[in-house]
Amino acid sequence: MSEQYYPASPVVSNGPSGTLWVLVLAGDVDPEFVDEVEEAFTRAERESAGLLFTVDVSALRFCDSALLNLLLQTARRRPVVLAGENVFVRRMLQVTGVGSAFTVVADNDAARGLTAQPHGGDGTQTGV
């Protein structure tokens, strides 16, 4: 069994990808990195006008309430798509009861499909 590498920073990438702005998180988002993740969210909000904000959580192993709060604060201002098959994130959304605040899709390709829909998607939850 090969061991998966996780960078020291949970922010793997943060930028435009076609019709999406994709923030890729991996590894652990814990108090040590919350400021860096918050800066990534701030940059995304500042620079992503006209793009669907997508957070790729497929390689996320852990996060605490700080990330959930960032996601919820952002979702109050604009649609947020969570992309990636992730049992941990699915469970966190179920336990906290906030899953309806996000559109959850299997991957970034599915998120791109949402931009083809007239109103940015129907809120259908699949994936995560």
Protein backbone atom coordinates (compact mmCIF):
# COMPACT_ATOMS: atom_id res chain seq x y z
CA MET A 1 0.00 0.00 0.00
CA SER A 2 1.49 3.34 -0.98
CA GLU A 3 1.36 6.24 1.40
CA GLN A 4 -0.28 9.42 0.09
CA TYR A 5 1.76 12.62 0.41
CA TYR A 6 0.09 15.65 1.97
CA PRO A 7 1.81 19.02 1.73
CA ALA A 8 2.62 21.01 4.87
CA SER A 9 0.08 23.58 3.72
CA PRO A 10 -3.48 22.37 3.15
CA VAL A 11 -3.87 24.91 0.32
CA VAL A 12 -2.68 22.99 -2.74
CA SER A 13 -3.91 25.45 -5.36
CA ASN A 14 -6.26 28.39 -5.59
CA GLY A 15 -7.18 29.88 -8.94
CA PRO A 16 -9.31 29.96 -12.07
CA SER A 17 -10.04 26.82 -14.05
CA GLY A 18 -12.35 27.55 -16.96
CA THR A 19 -15.75 28.55 -15.57
CA LEU A 20 -14.69 27.68 -12.02
CA TRP A 21 -12.50 29.16 -9.33
CA VAL A 22 -11.06 26.07 -7.66
CA LEU A 23 -9.56 26.05 -4.18
CA VAL A 24 -7.95 22.64 -3.62
CA LEU A 25 -7.46 21.56 0.00
CA ALA A 26 -5.53 18.45 1.07
CA GLY A 27 -4.38 16.88 4.29
CA ASP A 28 -5.40 18.56 7.52
CA VAL A 29 -6.98 21.97 7.99
CA ASP A 30 -6.36 22.58 11.66
CA PRO A 31 -5.68 25.67 13.83
CA GLU A 32 -2.07 25.79 12.62
CA PHE A 33 -3.21 26.54 9.06
CA VAL A 34 -6.53 28.32 9.52
CA ASP A 35 -5.05 31.76 8.75
CA GLU A 36 -3.55 30.50 5.49
CA VAL A 37 -6.85 28.91 4.48
CA GLU A 38 -8.73 32.09 5.39
CA GLU A 39 -6.34 34.08 3.15
CA ALA A 40 -7.07 31.64 0.31
CA PHE A 41 -10.83 32.19 0.76
CA THR A 42 -10.31 35.97 0.81
CA ARG A 43 -8.26 35.84 -2.40
CA ALA A 44 -10.88 33.64 -4.05
CA GLU A 45 -13.69 36.02 -3.15
CA ARG A 46 -11.68 39.04 -4.33
CA GLU A 47 -10.52 37.58 -7.66
CA SER A 48 -13.20 35.13 -8.75
CA ALA A 49 -16.03 37.36 -9.96
CA GLY A 50 -18.12 35.53 -12.55
CA LEU A 51 -16.68 32.10 -11.72
CA LEU A 52 -18.34 29.36 -9.70
CA PHE A 53 -16.45 29.03 -6.38
CA THR A 54 -15.55 25.37 -5.95
CA VAL A 55 -13.67 23.87 -3.02
CA ASP A 56 -12.08 20.54 -3.94
CA VAL A 57 -12.14 18.46 -0.75
CA SER A 58 -11.27 15.09 -2.30
CA ALA A 59 -7.88 14.90 -0.51
CA LEU A 60 -8.96 16.51 2.77
CA ARG A 61 -8.29 14.23 5.76
CA PHE A 62 -9.35 16.47 8.62
CA CYS A 63 -10.80 19.87 9.37
CA ASP A 64 -12.24 21.48 12.43
CA SER A 65 -15.04 23.98 12.84
CA ALA A 66 -12.84 26.83 11.56
CA LEU A 67 -13.04 25.52 7.98
CA LEU A 68 -16.73 24.82 8.32
CA ASN A 69 -17.24 28.40 9.50
CA LEU A 70 -15.26 29.77 6.53
CA LEU A 71 -17.38 27.70 4.16
CA LEU A 72 -20.63 28.85 5.77
CA GLN A 73 -19.60 32.52 5.83
CA THR A 74 -18.69 32.33 2.16
CA ALA A 75 -21.94 30.52 1.31
CA ARG A 76 -23.89 33.43 2.80
CA ARG A 77 -22.34 35.72 0.18
CA ARG A 78 -22.18 33.46 -2.86
CA PRO A 79 -22.80 29.87 -3.97
CA VAL A 80 -20.16 27.38 -2.81
CA VAL A 81 -19.67 24.00 -4.46
CA LEU A 82 -17.89 21.22 -2.59
CA ALA A 83 -16.27 18.82 -5.04
CA GLY A 84 -14.81 15.40 -4.37
CA GLU A 85 -15.68 12.02 -2.97
CA ASN A 86 -14.91 12.42 0.74
CA VAL A 87 -16.57 10.38 3.48
CA PHE A 88 -15.19 12.63 6.22
CA VAL A 89 -16.71 15.79 4.70
CA ARG A 90 -20.02 14.05 3.97
CA ARG A 91 -20.24 12.96 7.61
CA MET A 92 -19.34 16.45 8.88
CA LEU A 93 -22.14 17.99 6.81
CA GLN A 94 -24.62 15.38 8.05
CA VAL A 95 -23.68 15.72 11.73
CA THR A 96 -23.78 19.53 11.67
CA GLY A 97 -26.94 19.69 9.55
CA VAL A 98 -25.50 22.31 7.17
CA GLY A 99 -25.26 20.25 4.00
CA SER A 100 -28.05 22.22 2.33
CA ALA A 101 -25.86 25.35 2.40
CA PHE A 102 -23.69 23.85 -0.35
CA THR A 103 -23.98 22.14 -3.68
CA VAL A 104 -22.02 18.91 -3.36
CA VAL A 105 -20.73 17.16 -6.48
CA ALA A 106 -18.47 14.23 -7.25
CA ASP A 107 -15.63 16.21 -8.83
CA ASN A 108 -14.64 19.42 -10.61
CA ASP A 109 -16.01 18.16 -13.93
CA ALA A 110 -19.43 17.82 -12.30
CA ALA A 111 -19.04 21.37 -10.94
CA ARG A 112 -18.31 22.60 -14.47
CA GLY A 113 -21.58 20.97 -15.53
CA LEU A 114 -23.39 23.22 -13.06
CA THR A 115 -22.21 26.32 -14.89
CA ALA A 116 -24.06 25.12 -17.99
CA GLN A 117 -27.34 25.17 -16.06
CA PRO A 118 -29.37 28.41 -16.12
CA HIS A 119 -29.23 29.19 -12.38
CA GLY A 120 -25.89 27.70 -11.36
CA GLY A 121 -27.22 24.29 -10.48
CA ASP A 122 -30.19 22.79 -8.77
CA GLY A 123 -28.56 22.11 -5.40
CA THR A 124 -28.55 18.38 -6.03
CA GLN A 125 -26.18 16.63 -3.70
CA THR A 126 -24.04 13.85 -5.04
CA GLY A 127 -20.46 12.88 -4.41
CA VAL A 128 -18.93 14.07 -1.13
